[in-house]
């Protein structure tokens, strides 16, 4: 099912190209801004923890290449979580 921009505009009763709060310089409501900042914080924390874990582990303690896991860890949320679930040997 394809949704056109006209259908979307009518459904939301807003123009998607105009900020939600005109004149304030804010394109997102505070709740969305806070949620985005929280998600970014979690993402960067996971990334940092995964990369730090990769640096501290010996190659024999990691399934596969540490370089490959480091590159894969750059994929949002999925990479670091996959490393913690599948990349470390216990």
PDB file of N, CA and C in Angstrom:
ATOM      1  N   UNK A   1       0.844  -1.173   0.000  1.00  0.00           N
ATOM      2  CA  UNK A   1       0.000   0.000   0.000  1.00  0.00           C
ATOM      3  C   UNK A   1       0.889   1.235   0.000  1.00  0.00           C
ATOM      4  N   UNK A   2       0.772   2.029  -1.030  1.00  0.00           N
ATOM      5  CA  UNK A   2       1.555   3.243  -1.138  1.00  0.00           C
ATOM      6  C   UNK A   2       0.766   4.419  -0.592  1.00  0.00           C
ATOM      7  N   UNK A   3       1.445   5.273   0.126  1.00  0.00           N
ATOM      8  CA  UNK A   3       0.821   6.464   0.688  1.00  0.00           C
ATOM      9  C   UNK A   3       1.475   7.663   0.040  1.00  0.00           C
ATOM     10  N   UNK A   4       0.679   8.514  -0.551  1.00  0.00           N
ATOM     11  CA  UNK A   4       1.242   9.704  -1.181  1.00  0.00           C
ATOM     12  C   UNK A   4       1.425  10.798  -0.134  1.00  0.00           C
ATOM     13  N   UNK A   5       2.188  11.812  -0.502  1.00  0.00           N
ATOM     14  CA  UNK A   5       2.410  12.933   0.413  1.00  0.00           C
ATOM     15  C   UNK A   5       1.096  13.657   0.700  1.00  0.00           C
ATOM     16  N   UNK A   6       0.189  13.692  -0.275  1.00  0.00           N
ATOM     17  CA  UNK A   6      -1.105  14.347  -0.063  1.00  0.00           C
ATOM     18  C   UNK A   6      -1.899  13.584   0.987  1.00  0.00           C
ATOM     19  N   UNK A   7      -1.917  12.242   0.884  1.00  0.00           N
ATOM     20  CA  UNK A   7      -2.624  11.435   1.878  1.00  0.00           C
ATOM     21  C   UNK A   7      -2.014  11.617   3.261  1.00  0.00           C
ATOM     22  N   UNK A   8      -0.689  11.643   3.317  1.00  0.00           N
ATOM     23  CA  UNK A   8      -0.002  11.821   4.592  1.00  0.00           C
ATOM     24  C   UNK A   8      -0.324  13.181   5.191  1.00  0.00           C
ATOM     25  N   UNK A   9      -0.304  14.215   4.362  1.00  0.00           N
ATOM     26  CA  UNK A   9      -0.606  15.565   4.836  1.00  0.00           C
ATOM     27  C   UNK A   9      -2.035  15.646   5.375  1.00  0.00           C
ATOM     28  N   UNK A  10      -2.972  15.035   4.663  1.00  0.00           N
ATOM     29  CA  UNK A  10      -4.363  15.056   5.116  1.00  0.00           C
ATOM     30  C   UNK A  10      -4.545  14.244   6.391  1.00  0.00           C
ATOM     31  N   UNK A  11      -3.840  13.127   6.507  1.00  0.00           N
ATOM     32  CA  UNK A  11      -3.971  12.280   7.690  1.00  0.00           C
ATOM     33  C   UNK A  11      -3.398  12.957   8.921  1.00  0.00           C
ATOM     34  N   UNK A  12      -2.302  13.666   8.750  1.00  0.00           N
ATOM     35  CA  UNK A  12      -1.647  14.303   9.894  1.00  0.00           C
ATOM     36  C   UNK A  12      -2.120  15.731  10.127  1.00  0.00           C
ATOM     37  N   UNK A  13      -2.795  16.307   9.148  1.00  0.00           N
ATOM     38  CA  UNK A  13      -3.267  17.687   9.220  1.00  0.00           C
ATOM     39  C   UNK A  13      -2.125  18.670   9.414  1.00  0.00           C
ATOM     40  N   UNK A  14      -0.952  18.318   8.901  1.00  0.00           N
ATOM     41  CA  UNK A  14       0.188  19.228   8.953  1.00  0.00           C
ATOM     42  C   UNK A  14       0.931  19.139   7.633  1.00  0.00           C
ATOM     43  N   UNK A  15       1.698  20.149   7.345  1.00  0.00           N
ATOM     44  CA  UNK A  15       2.579  20.120   6.186  1.00  0.00           C
ATOM     45  C   UNK A  15       3.904  19.535   6.651  1.00  0.00           C
ATOM     46  N   UNK A  16       4.349  18.406   6.067  1.00  0.00           N
ATOM     47  CA  UNK A  16       5.572  17.760   6.554  1.00  0.00           C
ATOM     48  C   UNK A  16       6.828  18.589   6.340  1.00  0.00           C
ATOM     49  N   UNK A  17       6.749  19.654   5.542  1.00  0.00           N
ATOM     50  CA  UNK A  17       7.928  20.460   5.265  1.00  0.00           C
ATOM     51  C   UNK A  17       7.987  21.730   6.104  1.00  0.00           C
ATOM     52  N   UNK A  18       7.020  21.932   6.979  1.00  0.00           N
ATOM     53  CA  UNK A  18       7.019  23.090   7.872  1.00  0.00           C
ATOM     54  C   UNK A  18       7.285  22.584   9.281  1.00  0.00           C
ATOM     55  N   UNK A  19       8.217  23.199  10.015  1.00  0.00           N
ATOM     56  CA  UNK A  19       8.474  22.755  11.391  1.00  0.00           C
ATOM     57  C   UNK A  19       7.199  22.793  12.229  1.00  0.00           C
ATOM     58  N   UNK A  20       7.135  21.910  13.225  1.00  0.00           N
ATOM     59  CA  UNK A  20       5.937  21.819  14.054  1.00  0.00           C
ATOM     60  C   UNK A  20       5.691  23.085  14.856  1.00  0.00           C
ATOM     61  N   UNK A  21       6.749  23.742  15.255  1.00  0.00           N
ATOM     62  CA  UNK A  21       6.604  24.978  16.026  1.00  0.00           C
ATOM     63  C   UNK A  21       7.255  26.109  15.235  1.00  0.00           C
ATOM     64  N   UNK A  22       6.486  26.728  14.384  1.00  0.00           N
ATOM     65  CA  UNK A  22       7.041  27.781  13.550  1.00  0.00           C
ATOM     66  C   UNK A  22       7.491  28.957  14.410  1.00  0.00           C
ATOM     67  N   UNK A  23       8.624  29.525  14.036  1.00  0.00           N
ATOM     68  CA  UNK A  23       9.121  30.703  14.716  1.00  0.00           C
ATOM     69  C   UNK A  23       9.993  30.415  15.920  1.00  0.00           C
ATOM     70  N   UNK A  24       9.981  29.192  16.433  1.00  0.00           N
ATOM     71  CA  UNK A  24      10.790  28.877  17.609  1.00  0.00           C
ATOM     72  C   UNK A  24      12.130  28.271  17.234  1.00  0.00           C
ATOM     73  N   UNK A  25      12.266  27.851  15.982  1.00  0.00           N
ATOM     74  CA  UNK A  25      13.511  27.220  15.565  1.00  0.00           C
ATOM     75  C   UNK A  25      13.578  25.750  15.925  1.00  0.00           C
ATOM     76  N   UNK A  26      12.523  25.211  16.515  1.00  0.00           N
ATOM     77  CA  UNK A  26      12.494  23.799  16.886  1.00  0.00           C
ATOM     78  C   UNK A  26      11.632  23.040  15.891  1.00  0.00           C
ATOM     79  N   UNK A  27      12.196  21.974  15.334  1.00  0.00           N
ATOM     80  CA  UNK A  27      11.446  21.174  14.379  1.00  0.00           C
ATOM     81  C   UNK A  27      10.729  20.016  15.064  1.00  0.00           C
ATOM     82  N   UNK A  28      11.134  19.678  16.277  1.00  0.00           N
ATOM     83  CA  UNK A  28      10.536  18.548  16.993  1.00  0.00           C
ATOM     84  C   UNK A  28      10.020  18.997  18.355  1.00  0.00           C
ATOM     85  N   UNK A  29       8.935  18.398  18.820  1.00  0.00           N
ATOM     86  CA  UNK A  29       8.484  18.673  20.189  1.00  0.00           C
ATOM     87  C   UNK A  29       9.536  18.192  21.195  1.00  0.00           C
ATOM     88  N   UNK A  30       9.476  18.709  22.384  1.00  0.00           N
ATOM     89  CA  UNK A  30      10.476  18.377  23.404  1.00  0.00           C
ATOM     90  C   UNK A  30      10.536  16.884  23.700  1.00  0.00           C
ATOM     91  N   UNK A  31       9.403  16.202  23.703  1.00  0.00           N
ATOM     92  CA  UNK A  31       9.397  14.765  23.996  1.00  0.00           C
ATOM     93  C   UNK A  31      10.178  13.988  22.941  1.00  0.00           C
ATOM     94  N   UNK A  32      10.009  14.355  21.670  1.00  0.00           N
ATOM     95  CA  UNK A  32      10.753  13.677  20.610  1.00  0.00           C
ATOM     96  C   UNK A  32      12.234  14.009  20.672  1.00  0.00           C
ATOM     97  N   UNK A  33      12.549  15.245  20.998  1.00  0.00           N
ATOM     98  CA  UNK A  33      13.951  15.634  21.130  1.00  0.00           C
ATOM     99  C   UNK A  33      14.607  14.860  22.263  1.00  0.00           C
ATOM    100  N   UNK A  34      13.922  14.735  23.376  1.00  0.00           N
ATOM    101  CA  UNK A  34      14.448  13.988  24.517  1.00  0.00           C
ATOM    102  C   UNK A  34      14.605  12.510  24.171  1.00  0.00           C
ATOM    103  N   UNK A  35      13.609  11.942  23.504  1.00  0.00           N
ATOM    104  CA  UNK A  35      13.683  10.539  23.095  1.00  0.00           C
ATOM    105  C   UNK A  35      14.829  10.279  22.132  1.00  0.00           C
ATOM    106  N   UNK A  36      15.036  11.192  21.200  1.00  0.00           N
ATOM    107  CA  UNK A  36      16.138  11.058  20.247  1.00  0.00           C
ATOM    108  C   UNK A  36      17.476  11.152  20.961  1.00  0.00           C
ATOM    109  N   UNK A  37      17.596  12.082  21.884  1.00  0.00           N
ATOM    110  CA  UNK A  37      18.845  12.225  22.639  1.00  0.00           C
ATOM    111  C   UNK A  37      19.109  10.988  23.493  1.00  0.00           C
ATOM    112  N   UNK A  38      18.073  10.437  24.091  1.00  0.00           N
ATOM    113  CA  UNK A  38      18.220   9.230  24.903  1.00  0.00           C
ATOM    114  C   UNK A  38      18.654   8.045  24.042  1.00  0.00           C
ATOM    115  N   UNK A  39      18.023   7.883  22.880  1.00  0.00           N
ATOM    116  CA  UNK A  39      18.395   6.790  21.969  1.00  0.00           C
ATOM    117  C   UNK A  39      19.832   6.948  21.491  1.00  0.00           C
ATOM    118  N   UNK A  40      20.245   8.167  21.198  1.00  0.00           N
ATOM    119  CA  UNK A  40      21.627   8.408  20.769  1.00  0.00           C
ATOM    120  C   UNK A  40      22.601   8.087  21.894  1.00  0.00           C
ATOM    121  N   UNK A  41      22.246   8.439  23.114  1.00  0.00           N
ATOM    122  CA  UNK A  41      23.106   8.124  24.254  1.00  0.00           C
ATOM    123  C   UNK A  41      23.270   6.630  24.450  1.00  0.00           C
ATOM    124  N   UNK A  42      22.177   5.889  24.329  1.00  0.00           N
ATOM    125  CA  UNK A  42      22.241   4.428  24.455  1.00  0.00           C
ATOM    126  C   UNK A  42      23.089   3.849  23.331  1.00  0.00           C
ATOM    127  N   UNK A  43      22.885   4.352  22.101  1.00  0.00           N
ATOM    128  CA  UNK A  43      23.642   3.860  20.950  1.00  0.00           C
ATOM    129  C   UNK A  43      25.141   4.067  21.146  1.00  0.00           C
ATOM    130  N   UNK A  44      25.550   5.266  21.539  1.00  0.00           N
ATOM    131  CA  UNK A  44      26.977   5.540  21.702  1.00  0.00           C
ATOM    132  C   UNK A  44      27.569   4.801  22.900  1.00  0.00           C
ATOM    133  N   UNK A  45      26.773   4.577  23.932  1.00  0.00           N
ATOM    134  CA  UNK A  45      27.244   3.783  25.069  1.00  0.00           C
ATOM    135  C   UNK A  45      27.487   2.338  24.650  1.00  0.00           C
ATOM    136  N   UNK A  46      26.548   1.760  23.906  1.00  0.00           N
ATOM    137  CA  UNK A  46      26.731   0.396  23.399  1.00  0.00           C
ATOM    138  C   UNK A  46      27.949   0.308  22.486  1.00  0.00           C
ATOM    139  N   UNK A  47      28.104   1.286  21.606  1.00  0.00           N
ATOM    140  CA  UNK A  47      29.245   1.293  20.691  1.00  0.00           C
ATOM    141  C   UNK A  47      30.556   1.371  21.455  1.00  0.00           C
ATOM    142  N   UNK A  48      30.634   2.279  22.418  1.00  0.00           N
ATOM    143  CA  UNK A  48      31.855   2.410  23.211  1.00  0.00           C
ATOM    144  C   UNK A  48      32.174   1.155  23.994  1.00  0.00           C
ATOM    145  N   UNK A  49      31.158   0.550  24.591  1.00  0.00           N
ATOM    146  CA  UNK A  49      31.378  -0.677  25.365  1.00  0.00           C
ATOM    147  C   UNK A  49      31.843  -1.814  24.465  1.00  0.00           C
ATOM    148  N   UNK A  50      31.256  -1.933  23.272  1.00  0.00           N
ATOM    149  CA  UNK A  50      31.652  -3.002  22.346  1.00  0.00           C
ATOM    150  C   UNK A  50      33.081  -2.802  21.868  1.00  0.00           C
ATOM    151  N   UNK A  51      33.433  -1.579  21.490  1.00  0.00           N
ATOM    152  CA  UNK A  51      34.795  -1.327  21.002  1.00  0.00           C
ATOM    153  C   UNK A  51      35.822  -1.504  22.112  1.00  0.00           C
ATOM    154  N   UNK A  52      35.491  -1.066  23.310  1.00  0.00           N
ATOM    155  CA  UNK A  52      36.408  -1.244  24.441  1.00  0.00           C
ATOM    156  C   UNK A  52      36.588  -2.723  24.754  1.00  0.00           C
ATOM    157  N   UNK A  53      35.513  -3.480  24.706  1.00  0.00           N
ATOM    158  CA  UNK A  53      35.598  -4.918  24.934  1.00  0.00           C
ATOM    159  C   UNK A  53      36.468  -5.584  23.871  1.00  0.00           C
ATOM    160  N   UNK A  54      36.303  -5.163  22.619  1.00  0.00           N
ATOM    161  CA  UNK A  54      37.115  -5.729  21.534  1.00  0.00           C
ATOM    162  C   UNK A  54      38.597  -5.418  21.718  1.00  0.00           C
ATOM    163  N   UNK A  55      38.896  -4.222  22.170  1.00  0.00           N
ATOM    164  CA  UNK A  55      40.299  -3.837  22.368  1.00  0.00           C
ATOM    165  C   UNK A  55      40.940  -4.592  23.523  1.00  0.00           C
ATOM    166  N   UNK A  56      40.176  -4.893  24.543  1.00  0.00           N
ATOM    167  CA  UNK A  56      40.726  -5.545  25.737  1.00  0.00           C
ATOM    168  C   UNK A  56      40.810  -7.062  25.617  1.00  0.00           C
ATOM    169  N   UNK A  57      40.067  -7.645  24.710  1.00  0.00           N
ATOM    170  CA  UNK A  57      40.059  -9.105  24.572  1.00  0.00           C
ATOM    171  C   UNK A  57      41.174  -9.573  23.647  1.00  0.00           C
ATOM    172  N   UNK A  58      41.666 -10.762  23.947  1.00  0.00           N
ATOM    173  CA  UNK A  58      42.629 -11.406  23.060  1.00  0.00           C
ATOM    174  C   UNK A  58      41.867 -11.931  21.847  1.00  0.00           C
ATOM    175  N   UNK A  59      42.537 -12.047  20.699  1.00  0.00           N
ATOM    176  CA  UNK A  59      41.848 -12.581  19.507  1.00  0.00           C
ATOM    177  C   UNK A  59      41.236 -13.961  19.733  1.00  0.00           C
ATOM    178  N   UNK A  60      41.825 -14.748  20.616  1.00  0.00           N
ATOM    179  CA  UNK A  60      41.282 -16.086  20.884  1.00  0.00           C
ATOM    180  C   UNK A  60      39.967 -16.035  21.667  1.00  0.00           C
ATOM    181  N   UNK A  61      39.642 -14.893  22.249  1.00  0.00           N
ATOM    182  CA  UNK A  61      38.409 -14.750  23.024  1.00  0.00           C
ATOM    183  C   UNK A  61      37.252 -14.184  22.201  1.00  0.00           C
ATOM    184  N   UNK A  62      37.497 -13.973  20.903  1.00  0.00           N
ATOM    185  CA  UNK A  62      36.478 -13.388  20.026  1.00  0.00           C
ATOM    186  C   UNK A  62      36.193 -14.359  18.888  1.00  0.00           C
ATOM    187  N   UNK A  63      34.918 -14.570  18.610  1.00  0.00           N
ATOM    188  CA  UNK A  63      34.537 -15.410  17.468  1.00  0.00           C
ATOM    189  C   UNK A  63      34.693 -14.579  16.197  1.00  0.00           C
ATOM    190  N   UNK A  64      35.595 -14.980  15.328  1.00  0.00           N
ATOM    191  CA  UNK A  64      35.823 -14.237  14.092  1.00  0.00           C
ATOM    192  C   UNK A  64      36.871 -13.158  14.283  1.00  0.00           C
ATOM    193  N   UNK A  65      36.927 -12.263  13.329  1.00  0.00           N
ATOM    194  CA  UNK A  65      37.926 -11.196  13.313  1.00  0.00           C
ATOM    195  C   UNK A  65      37.499 -10.031  14.210  1.00  0.00           C
ATOM    196  N   UNK A  66      38.444  -9.545  15.004  1.00  0.00           N
ATOM    197  CA  UNK A  66      38.135  -8.372  15.833  1.00  0.00           C
ATOM    198  C   UNK A  66      37.875  -7.156  14.953  1.00  0.00           C
ATOM    199  N   UNK A  67      38.608  -7.047  13.843  1.00  0.00           N
ATOM    200  CA  UNK A  67      38.408  -5.929  12.920  1.00  0.00           C
ATOM    201  C   UNK A  67      36.996  -5.963  12.323  1.00  0.00           C
ATOM    202  N   UNK A  68      36.550  -7.143  11.938  1.00  0.00           N
ATOM    203  CA  UNK A  68      35.198  -7.278  11.375  1.00  0.00           C
ATOM    204  C   UNK A  68      34.138  -6.928  12.416  1.00  0.00           C
ATOM    205  N   UNK A  69      34.311  -7.398  13.648  1.00  0.00           N
ATOM    206  CA  UNK A  69      33.348  -7.070  14.702  1.00  0.00           C
ATOM    207  C   UNK A  69      33.372  -5.577  15.008  1.00  0.00           C
ATOM    208  N   UNK A  70      34.548  -4.970  14.944  1.00  0.00           N
ATOM    209  CA  UNK A  70      34.634  -3.529  15.165  1.00  0.00           C
ATOM    210  C   UNK A  70      33.874  -2.751  14.101  1.00  0.00           C
ATOM    211  N   UNK A  71      34.026  -3.171  12.852  1.00  0.00           N
ATOM    212  CA  UNK A  71      33.296  -2.511  11.764  1.00  0.00           C
ATOM    213  C   UNK A  71      31.795  -2.754  11.899  1.00  0.00           C
ATOM    214  N   UNK A  72      31.414  -3.984  12.235  1.00  0.00           N
ATOM    215  CA  UNK A  72      29.995  -4.309  12.379  1.00  0.00           C
ATOM    216  C   UNK A  72      29.379  -3.587  13.574  1.00  0.00           C
ATOM    217  N   UNK A  73      30.185  -3.259  14.560  1.00  0.00           N
ATOM    218  CA  UNK A  73      29.674  -2.546  15.736  1.00  0.00           C
ATOM    219  C   UNK A  73      29.209  -1.136  15.399  1.00  0.00           C
ATOM    220  N   UNK A  74      29.629  -0.624  14.248  1.00  0.00           N
ATOM    221  CA  UNK A  74      29.215   0.715  13.839  1.00  0.00           C
ATOM    222  C   UNK A  74      27.772   0.757  13.342  1.00  0.00           C
ATOM    223  N   UNK A  75      27.172  -0.414  13.129  1.00  0.00           N
ATOM    224  CA  UNK A  75      25.768  -0.476  12.703  1.00  0.00           C
ATOM    225  C   UNK A  75      24.892  -0.208  13.930  1.00  0.00           C
ATOM    226  N   UNK A  76      23.997   0.755  13.807  1.00  0.00           N
ATOM    227  CA  UNK A  76      23.163   1.180  14.938  1.00  0.00           C
ATOM    228  C   UNK A  76      22.577   0.011  15.711  1.00  0.00           C
ATOM    229  N   UNK A  77      22.702   0.037  16.983  1.00  0.00           N
ATOM    230  CA  UNK A  77      22.150  -0.912  17.946  1.00  0.00           C
ATOM    231  C   UNK A  77      22.439  -2.368  17.600  1.00  0.00           C
ATOM    232  N   UNK A  78      22.186  -2.765  16.360  1.00  0.00           N
ATOM    233  CA  UNK A  78      22.313  -4.166  15.951  1.00  0.00           C
ATOM    234  C   UNK A  78      23.747  -4.660  16.096  1.00  0.00           C
ATOM    235  N   UNK A  79      24.714  -3.855  15.682  1.00  0.00           N
ATOM    236  CA  UNK A  79      26.109  -4.274  15.714  1.00  0.00           C
ATOM    237  C   UNK A  79      26.628  -4.564  17.111  1.00  0.00           C
ATOM    238  N   UNK A  80      26.571  -3.594  18.029  1.00  0.00           N
ATOM    239  CA  UNK A  80      27.073  -3.860  19.374  1.00  0.00           C
ATOM    240  C   UNK A  80      26.320  -4.976  20.100  1.00  0.00           C
ATOM    241  N   UNK A  81      25.008  -5.019  19.949  1.00  0.00           N
ATOM    242  CA  UNK A  81      24.227  -6.066  20.615  1.00  0.00           C
ATOM    243  C   UNK A  81      24.591  -7.431  20.046  1.00  0.00           C
ATOM    244  N   UNK A  82      24.768  -7.515  18.724  1.00  0.00           N
ATOM    245  CA  UNK A  82      25.179  -8.782  18.101  1.00  0.00           C
ATOM    246  C   UNK A  82      26.545  -9.220  18.599  1.00  0.00           C
ATOM    247  N   UNK A  83      27.459  -8.260  18.742  1.00  0.00           N
ATOM    248  CA  UNK A  83      28.787  -8.608  19.253  1.00  0.00           C
ATOM    249  C   UNK A  83      28.674  -9.194  20.659  1.00  0.00           C
ATOM    250  N   UNK A  84      27.906  -8.544  21.529  1.00  0.00           N
ATOM    251  CA  UNK A  84      27.787  -9.036  22.905  1.00  0.00           C
ATOM    252  C   UNK A  84      27.089 -10.396  22.963  1.00  0.00           C
ATOM    253  N   UNK A  85      26.160 -10.651  22.056  1.00  0.00           N
ATOM    254  CA  UNK A  85      25.447 -11.929  22.063  1.00  0.00           C
ATOM    255  C   UNK A  85      26.215 -13.045  21.364  1.00  0.00           C
ATOM    256  N   UNK A  86      26.868 -12.735  20.243  1.00  0.00           N
ATOM    257  CA  UNK A  86      27.453 -13.787  19.411  1.00  0.00           C
ATOM    258  C   UNK A  86      28.963 -13.680  19.207  1.00  0.00           C
ATOM    259  N   UNK A  87      29.551 -12.524  19.418  1.00  0.00           N
ATOM    260  CA  UNK A  87      30.958 -12.331  19.079  1.00  0.00           C
ATOM    261  C   UNK A  87      31.944 -12.712  20.160  1.00  0.00           C
ATOM    262  N   UNK A  88      31.508 -12.721  21.396  1.00  0.00           N
ATOM    263  CA  UNK A  88      32.418 -13.047  22.504  1.00  0.00           C
ATOM    264  C   UNK A  88      32.346 -14.525  22.833  1.00  0.00           C
ATOM    265  N   UNK A  89      33.496 -15.087  23.100  1.00  0.00           N
ATOM    266  CA  UNK A  89      33.523 -16.463  23.606  1.00  0.00           C
ATOM    267  C   UNK A  89      33.423 -16.395  25.115  1.00  0.00           C
ATOM    268  N   UNK A  90      32.702 -17.300  25.696  1.00  0.00           N
ATOM    269  CA  UNK A  90      32.528 -17.274  27.156  1.00  0.00           C
ATOM    270  C   UNK A  90      33.429 -18.244  27.822  1.00  0.00           C
TER     271      UNK A  90
END
